[in-house]
Amino acid sequence: MVKVVPLHTGPTVTDIPGQLRQMADRIEANEVEANSVLLIIPQTGDWPMIFGWGDHLGDHGNIAVCEMAKHWFVQNLAAR
């Protein structure tokens, strides 16, 4: 008899509500420090939906966070 051992017990990466709940649990458990959060949801053929919680960073602060995230993607995901 073969026993299947799950490698991961959390939600799948396609389970967005489950992933958000898991992140909320990690924030509440102080595993992840979060004073502010931005959530960006792409919209086909339109501007993305953007939600923010916590300390408001101001327009320039929010733009800076997005620019830093963009820079991280460019540095870590660009073909070299």
N, C-alpha and C. Protein backbone atom coordinates (compact mmCIF):
# COMPACT_ATOMS: atom_id res chain seq x y z
N MET A 1 0.84 -1.19 0.00
CA MET A 1 0.00 0.00 0.00
C MET A 1 0.89 1.25 0.00
N VAL A 2 0.53 2.21 -0.85
CA VAL A 2 1.28 3.44 -0.97
C VAL A 2 0.60 4.51 -0.12
N LYS A 3 1.40 5.21 0.68
CA LYS A 3 0.86 6.30 1.50
C LYS A 3 1.27 7.62 0.85
N VAL A 4 0.30 8.46 0.56
CA VAL A 4 0.55 9.77 -0.02
C VAL A 4 0.77 10.76 1.12
N VAL A 5 1.91 11.42 1.07
CA VAL A 5 2.25 12.40 2.10
C VAL A 5 2.17 13.79 1.48
N PRO A 6 1.28 14.65 1.99
CA PRO A 6 1.20 16.00 1.42
C PRO A 6 2.47 16.78 1.71
N LEU A 7 2.96 17.48 0.70
CA LEU A 7 4.16 18.29 0.86
C LEU A 7 3.85 19.67 1.44
N HIS A 8 2.61 20.10 1.26
CA HIS A 8 2.23 21.44 1.69
C HIS A 8 0.81 21.36 2.24
N THR A 9 0.60 21.92 3.42
CA THR A 9 -0.72 21.83 4.04
C THR A 9 -1.57 23.08 3.85
N GLY A 10 -1.01 24.14 3.32
CA GLY A 10 -1.74 25.39 3.15
C GLY A 10 -2.53 25.41 1.87
N PRO A 11 -3.16 26.55 1.61
CA PRO A 11 -3.95 26.69 0.37
C PRO A 11 -3.03 26.71 -0.85
N THR A 12 -3.58 26.30 -1.98
CA THR A 12 -2.82 26.34 -3.23
C THR A 12 -2.62 27.80 -3.65
N VAL A 13 -1.66 28.05 -4.52
CA VAL A 13 -1.40 29.42 -4.95
C VAL A 13 -2.55 29.98 -5.78
N THR A 14 -3.41 29.13 -6.32
CA THR A 14 -4.56 29.63 -7.08
C THR A 14 -5.75 29.93 -6.17
N ASP A 15 -5.67 29.59 -4.89
CA ASP A 15 -6.73 29.87 -3.93
C ASP A 15 -6.46 31.24 -3.30
N ILE A 16 -6.84 32.29 -4.00
CA ILE A 16 -6.52 33.65 -3.55
C ILE A 16 -7.15 33.96 -2.18
N PRO A 17 -8.44 33.68 -1.95
CA PRO A 17 -8.98 33.94 -0.61
C PRO A 17 -8.24 33.16 0.48
N GLY A 18 -7.89 31.91 0.19
CA GLY A 18 -7.15 31.10 1.16
C GLY A 18 -5.77 31.66 1.43
N GLN A 19 -5.09 32.13 0.38
CA GLN A 19 -3.77 32.73 0.54
C GLN A 19 -3.85 34.02 1.36
N LEU A 20 -4.90 34.82 1.11
CA LEU A 20 -5.06 36.05 1.89
C LEU A 20 -5.35 35.74 3.35
N ARG A 21 -6.17 34.71 3.61
CA ARG A 21 -6.43 34.31 5.00
C ARG A 21 -5.15 33.83 5.68
N GLN A 22 -4.35 33.05 4.94
CA GLN A 22 -3.09 32.55 5.48
C GLN A 22 -2.15 33.71 5.81
N MET A 23 -2.07 34.71 4.94
CA MET A 23 -1.23 35.88 5.21
C MET A 23 -1.74 36.64 6.42
N ALA A 24 -3.07 36.78 6.53
CA ALA A 24 -3.64 37.46 7.70
C ALA A 24 -3.26 36.71 8.98
N ASP A 25 -3.31 35.38 8.94
CA ASP A 25 -2.90 34.58 10.10
C ASP A 25 -1.44 34.81 10.43
N ARG A 26 -0.58 34.89 9.41
CA ARG A 26 0.85 35.13 9.64
C ARG A 26 1.10 36.52 10.22
N ILE A 27 0.31 37.51 9.78
CA ILE A 27 0.45 38.86 10.32
C ILE A 27 0.01 38.87 11.78
N GLU A 28 -1.14 38.23 12.07
CA GLU A 28 -1.62 38.18 13.46
C GLU A 28 -0.67 37.44 14.38
N ALA A 29 0.04 36.44 13.86
CA ALA A 29 1.00 35.67 14.65
C ALA A 29 2.37 36.35 14.72
N ASN A 30 2.47 37.55 14.16
CA ASN A 30 3.72 38.32 14.12
C ASN A 30 4.84 37.60 13.37
N GLU A 31 4.48 36.71 12.45
CA GLU A 31 5.48 36.10 11.58
C GLU A 31 5.86 37.06 10.46
N VAL A 32 4.90 37.91 10.08
CA VAL A 32 5.12 38.93 9.05
C VAL A 32 4.72 40.26 9.66
N GLU A 33 5.63 41.23 9.64
CA GLU A 33 5.32 42.56 10.16
C GLU A 33 4.68 43.37 9.04
N ALA A 34 3.55 43.96 9.32
CA ALA A 34 2.86 44.76 8.31
C ALA A 34 2.19 45.95 8.98
N ASN A 35 2.73 47.15 8.68
CA ASN A 35 2.09 48.37 9.14
C ASN A 35 1.16 48.94 8.09
N SER A 36 1.40 48.54 6.85
CA SER A 36 0.52 48.94 5.75
C SER A 36 0.58 47.85 4.69
N VAL A 37 -0.50 47.76 3.91
CA VAL A 37 -0.62 46.74 2.87
C VAL A 37 -1.28 47.36 1.65
N LEU A 38 -0.75 47.05 0.47
CA LEU A 38 -1.39 47.41 -0.79
C LEU A 38 -1.75 46.12 -1.51
N LEU A 39 -2.96 46.05 -2.01
CA LEU A 39 -3.42 44.90 -2.79
C LEU A 39 -3.80 45.41 -4.17
N ILE A 40 -3.18 44.84 -5.21
CA ILE A 40 -3.40 45.28 -6.59
C ILE A 40 -4.02 44.12 -7.35
N ILE A 41 -5.19 44.35 -7.93
CA ILE A 41 -5.87 43.31 -8.69
C ILE A 41 -5.96 43.76 -10.15
N PRO A 42 -5.23 43.07 -11.05
CA PRO A 42 -5.28 43.45 -12.47
C PRO A 42 -6.70 43.33 -13.02
N GLN A 43 -7.06 44.23 -13.92
CA GLN A 43 -8.35 44.21 -14.59
C GLN A 43 -8.10 44.23 -16.09
N THR A 44 -8.62 43.27 -16.79
CA THR A 44 -8.42 43.19 -18.24
C THR A 44 -8.97 44.45 -18.92
N GLY A 45 -8.12 45.13 -19.67
CA GLY A 45 -8.54 46.29 -20.43
C GLY A 45 -8.89 47.51 -19.60
N ASP A 46 -8.49 47.55 -18.34
CA ASP A 46 -8.83 48.67 -17.48
C ASP A 46 -7.71 48.86 -16.45
N TRP A 47 -7.82 49.93 -15.68
CA TRP A 47 -6.87 50.17 -14.59
C TRP A 47 -7.04 49.09 -13.54
N PRO A 48 -5.97 48.75 -12.81
CA PRO A 48 -6.11 47.75 -11.75
C PRO A 48 -6.93 48.30 -10.59
N MET A 49 -7.55 47.39 -9.87
CA MET A 49 -8.23 47.76 -8.62
C MET A 49 -7.14 47.77 -7.54
N ILE A 50 -7.12 48.82 -6.72
CA ILE A 50 -6.09 48.95 -5.69
C ILE A 50 -6.77 49.19 -4.35
N PHE A 51 -6.38 48.39 -3.36
CA PHE A 51 -6.90 48.51 -2.01
C PHE A 51 -5.71 48.71 -1.07
N GLY A 52 -5.91 49.48 -0.02
CA GLY A 52 -4.84 49.70 0.95
C GLY A 52 -5.40 49.67 2.36
N TRP A 53 -4.59 49.12 3.27
CA TRP A 53 -4.97 49.05 4.68
C TRP A 53 -3.78 49.43 5.56
N GLY A 54 -4.07 49.88 6.74
CA GLY A 54 -3.01 50.23 7.69
C GLY A 54 -2.61 51.68 7.56
N ASP A 55 -1.36 51.95 7.93
CA ASP A 55 -0.83 53.32 7.86
C ASP A 55 -0.82 53.79 6.42
N HIS A 56 -1.43 54.95 6.19
CA HIS A 56 -1.44 55.51 4.83
C HIS A 56 -0.08 56.12 4.55
N LEU A 57 0.55 55.67 3.47
CA LEU A 57 1.89 56.14 3.13
C LEU A 57 1.86 57.42 2.30
N GLY A 58 0.67 57.89 1.96
CA GLY A 58 0.55 59.05 1.08
C GLY A 58 0.73 58.63 -0.36
N ASP A 59 0.35 59.49 -1.27
CA ASP A 59 0.44 59.16 -2.69
C ASP A 59 1.87 58.80 -3.10
N HIS A 60 2.84 59.63 -2.68
CA HIS A 60 4.23 59.37 -3.07
C HIS A 60 4.76 58.10 -2.41
N GLY A 61 4.36 57.82 -1.18
CA GLY A 61 4.78 56.60 -0.51
C GLY A 61 4.23 55.36 -1.19
N ASN A 62 2.96 55.41 -1.58
CA ASN A 62 2.36 54.27 -2.28
C ASN A 62 3.04 54.04 -3.63
N ILE A 63 3.34 55.13 -4.34
CA ILE A 63 4.04 55.02 -5.62
C ILE A 63 5.43 54.43 -5.39
N ALA A 64 6.11 54.86 -4.33
CA ALA A 64 7.45 54.34 -4.05
C ALA A 64 7.42 52.84 -3.77
N VAL A 65 6.42 52.37 -3.02
CA VAL A 65 6.31 50.94 -2.75
C VAL A 65 6.10 50.17 -4.06
N CYS A 66 5.25 50.68 -4.93
CA CYS A 66 5.02 50.02 -6.22
C CYS A 66 6.29 50.02 -7.07
N GLU A 67 7.03 51.13 -7.05
CA GLU A 67 8.28 51.21 -7.81
C GLU A 67 9.33 50.24 -7.26
N MET A 68 9.39 50.11 -5.93
CA MET A 68 10.33 49.16 -5.33
C MET A 68 9.96 47.73 -5.70
N ALA A 69 8.66 47.43 -5.71
CA ALA A 69 8.22 46.09 -6.11
C ALA A 69 8.57 45.84 -7.57
N LYS A 70 8.35 46.84 -8.42
CA LYS A 70 8.70 46.70 -9.84
C LYS A 70 10.20 46.44 -9.99
N HIS A 71 11.00 47.18 -9.26
CA HIS A 71 12.45 47.00 -9.32
C HIS A 71 12.84 45.59 -8.89
N TRP A 72 12.19 45.07 -7.84
CA TRP A 72 12.49 43.71 -7.38
C TRP A 72 12.18 42.71 -8.49
N PHE A 73 11.00 42.85 -9.15
CA PHE A 73 10.66 41.94 -10.25
C PHE A 73 11.69 42.03 -11.37
N VAL A 74 12.08 43.24 -11.75
CA VAL A 74 13.05 43.40 -12.83
C VAL A 74 14.37 42.72 -12.47
N GLN A 75 14.84 42.92 -11.25
CA GLN A 75 16.12 42.37 -10.81
C GLN A 75 16.09 40.84 -10.66
N ASN A 76 14.95 40.30 -10.24
CA ASN A 76 14.88 38.88 -9.91
C ASN A 76 14.25 38.01 -10.97
N LEU A 77 13.52 38.60 -11.90
CA LEU A 77 12.82 37.79 -12.88
C LEU A 77 13.28 38.03 -14.31
N ALA A 78 14.11 39.04 -14.52
CA ALA A 78 14.57 39.34 -15.88
C ALA A 78 15.59 38.29 -16.31
N ALA A 79 15.50 37.92 -17.59
CA ALA A 79 16.49 36.99 -18.14
C ALA A 79 17.85 37.64 -18.12
N ARG A 80 18.84 36.89 -17.72
CA ARG A 80 20.21 37.44 -17.63
C ARG A 80 21.09 36.76 -18.61
